[in-house]
Amino acid sequence: QVQLVESGGGLVLPGGSLRLSCAASGSIFSTYVMGWYRQAPGKQRELVATIANGGCTNYAESVKGRFTISKDNAKNTVYLQMNRLKPEDTTVYYCSAGSPATGVFWGQGTQVTVSS
């Protein structure tokens, strides 16, 4: 069982920045693809960014050039640096850990609100 705990959400002005963190239980980065997703009320959960065990990254078109996913293997933590935030980025963000063998584990989510 993989446990993921997100932190770093909050209220920020349009154009501002936030950094989300996801602390994972144990050393799983060599096995799992880590990711960030977001889900607005009444909508499907959507991909924001992923990072594979080799460091290869993938981003949704809507966040390319503004968001950066990274990981610290020593701390078992994945980050999502979000810059130039827009009101449409407002929603709950979820950390994920996935592998073909075990499926996907999710964190509890952290709220990001971009508003003046």
Protein backbone atom coordinates (compact mmCIF):
# COMPACT_ATOMS: atom_id res chain seq x y z
CA GLN A 1 0.00 0.00 0.00
CA VAL A 2 1.37 3.38 -1.02
CA GLN A 3 0.42 6.44 1.03
CA LEU A 4 0.66 9.90 -0.45
CA VAL A 5 0.26 13.16 1.46
CA GLU A 6 -0.07 16.45 -0.43
CA SER A 7 0.61 19.90 0.93
CA GLY A 8 1.20 23.41 -0.32
CA GLY A 9 -2.19 24.40 -1.65
CA GLY A 10 -3.82 27.70 -0.82
CA LEU A 11 -5.08 31.03 -2.11
CA VAL A 12 -2.95 32.99 -4.55
CA LEU A 13 -3.44 36.02 -6.78
CA PRO A 14 -3.60 35.59 -10.54
CA GLY A 15 -0.07 35.55 -11.90
CA GLY A 16 1.29 34.23 -8.64
CA SER A 17 3.07 30.99 -7.77
CA LEU A 18 2.58 27.98 -5.53
CA ARG A 19 4.58 24.82 -4.95
CA LEU A 20 2.74 21.62 -4.14
CA SER A 21 4.51 18.77 -2.38
CA CYS A 22 3.62 15.08 -2.22
CA ALA A 23 5.36 12.94 0.37
CA ALA A 24 5.30 9.22 -0.41
CA SER A 25 5.60 6.35 2.04
CA GLY A 26 8.82 4.53 1.33
CA SER A 27 11.16 4.57 -1.64
CA ILE A 28 8.81 4.03 -4.55
CA PHE A 29 10.15 6.33 -7.24
CA SER A 30 12.18 3.59 -8.91
CA THR A 31 9.00 1.57 -9.46
CA TYR A 32 6.17 4.07 -9.83
CA VAL A 33 5.29 6.82 -12.24
CA MET A 34 4.42 9.84 -10.13
CA GLY A 35 1.92 12.42 -11.21
CA TRP A 36 -0.29 15.35 -10.44
CA TYR A 37 -3.92 15.48 -11.51
CA ARG A 38 -6.71 17.93 -10.84
CA GLN A 39 -10.45 17.67 -10.65
CA ALA A 40 -13.07 20.39 -10.61
CA PRO A 41 -16.57 19.73 -9.21
CA GLY A 42 -18.68 17.82 -11.70
CA LYS A 43 -15.76 17.20 -14.04
CA GLN A 44 -13.45 14.30 -14.72
CA ARG A 45 -10.05 14.15 -13.11
CA GLU A 46 -7.48 15.40 -15.61
CA LEU A 47 -3.75 14.96 -16.00
CA VAL A 48 -1.56 17.89 -15.05
CA ALA A 49 1.93 16.36 -15.18
CA THR A 50 3.77 13.08 -14.70
CA ILE A 51 7.35 12.09 -14.04
CA ALA A 52 8.66 8.61 -14.74
CA ASN A 53 11.26 6.74 -12.74
CA GLY A 54 13.92 7.79 -15.22
CA GLY A 55 12.93 11.44 -14.93
CA CYS A 56 10.99 11.77 -18.19
CA THR A 57 8.19 14.32 -17.78
CA ASN A 58 4.85 14.88 -19.47
CA TYR A 59 2.52 17.90 -19.18
CA ALA A 60 -1.00 18.85 -20.12
CA GLU A 61 -1.03 21.47 -22.87
CA SER A 62 -2.81 23.91 -20.58
CA VAL A 63 0.10 24.03 -18.11
CA LYS A 64 3.15 23.66 -20.37
CA GLY A 65 5.64 26.43 -19.76
CA ARG A 66 3.99 27.38 -16.45
CA PHE A 67 4.17 24.24 -14.29
CA THR A 68 7.18 22.05 -13.51
CA ILE A 69 7.10 18.59 -11.96
CA SER A 70 10.17 17.32 -10.12
CA LYS A 71 11.12 14.79 -7.48
CA ASP A 72 13.61 14.38 -4.67
CA ASN A 73 14.45 10.71 -4.35
CA ALA A 74 16.19 11.17 -1.02
CA LYS A 75 13.08 12.75 0.48
CA ASN A 76 10.55 10.52 -1.33
CA THR A 77 8.79 13.72 -2.37
CA VAL A 78 7.35 14.94 -5.65
CA TYR A 79 6.81 18.62 -6.32
CA LEU A 80 4.66 20.67 -8.65
CA GLN A 81 5.93 24.21 -9.12
CA MET A 82 3.09 26.31 -10.49
CA ASN A 83 3.90 29.73 -11.93
CA ARG A 84 1.78 32.36 -13.70
CA LEU A 85 -1.33 30.88 -12.15
CA LYS A 86 -4.70 31.62 -13.69
CA PRO A 87 -8.20 31.57 -12.19
CA GLU A 88 -8.96 28.51 -14.33
CA ASP A 89 -6.24 26.61 -12.43
CA THR A 90 -8.50 26.74 -9.38
CA THR A 91 -9.46 23.25 -8.27
CA VAL A 92 -8.33 20.32 -6.11
CA TYR A 93 -4.96 18.83 -7.03
CA TYR A 94 -4.16 15.16 -6.41
CA CYS A 95 -0.86 13.35 -6.27
CA SER A 96 -0.70 9.89 -7.82
CA ALA A 97 1.64 6.90 -7.87
CA GLY A 98 1.06 4.29 -10.52
CA SER A 99 2.55 1.06 -11.76
CA PRO A 100 1.24 -1.71 -14.03
CA ALA A 101 1.54 -4.23 -11.23
CA THR A 102 -0.39 -2.38 -8.52
CA GLY A 103 -2.55 0.19 -10.25
CA VAL A 104 -2.83 3.78 -9.09
CA PHE A 105 -2.74 5.20 -5.59
CA TRP A 106 -4.05 8.69 -4.81
CA GLY A 107 -3.44 11.29 -2.17
CA GLN A 108 -6.25 13.12 -0.38
CA GLY A 109 -5.98 16.24 -2.51
CA THR A 110 -5.08 19.84 -1.84
CA GLN A 111 -7.13 22.89 -2.82
CA VAL A 112 -5.62 25.57 -5.03
CA THR A 113 -7.56 28.80 -5.43
CA VAL A 114 -6.45 31.53 -7.81
CA SER A 115 -8.44 34.67 -7.22
CA SER A 116 -8.10 38.40 -6.70
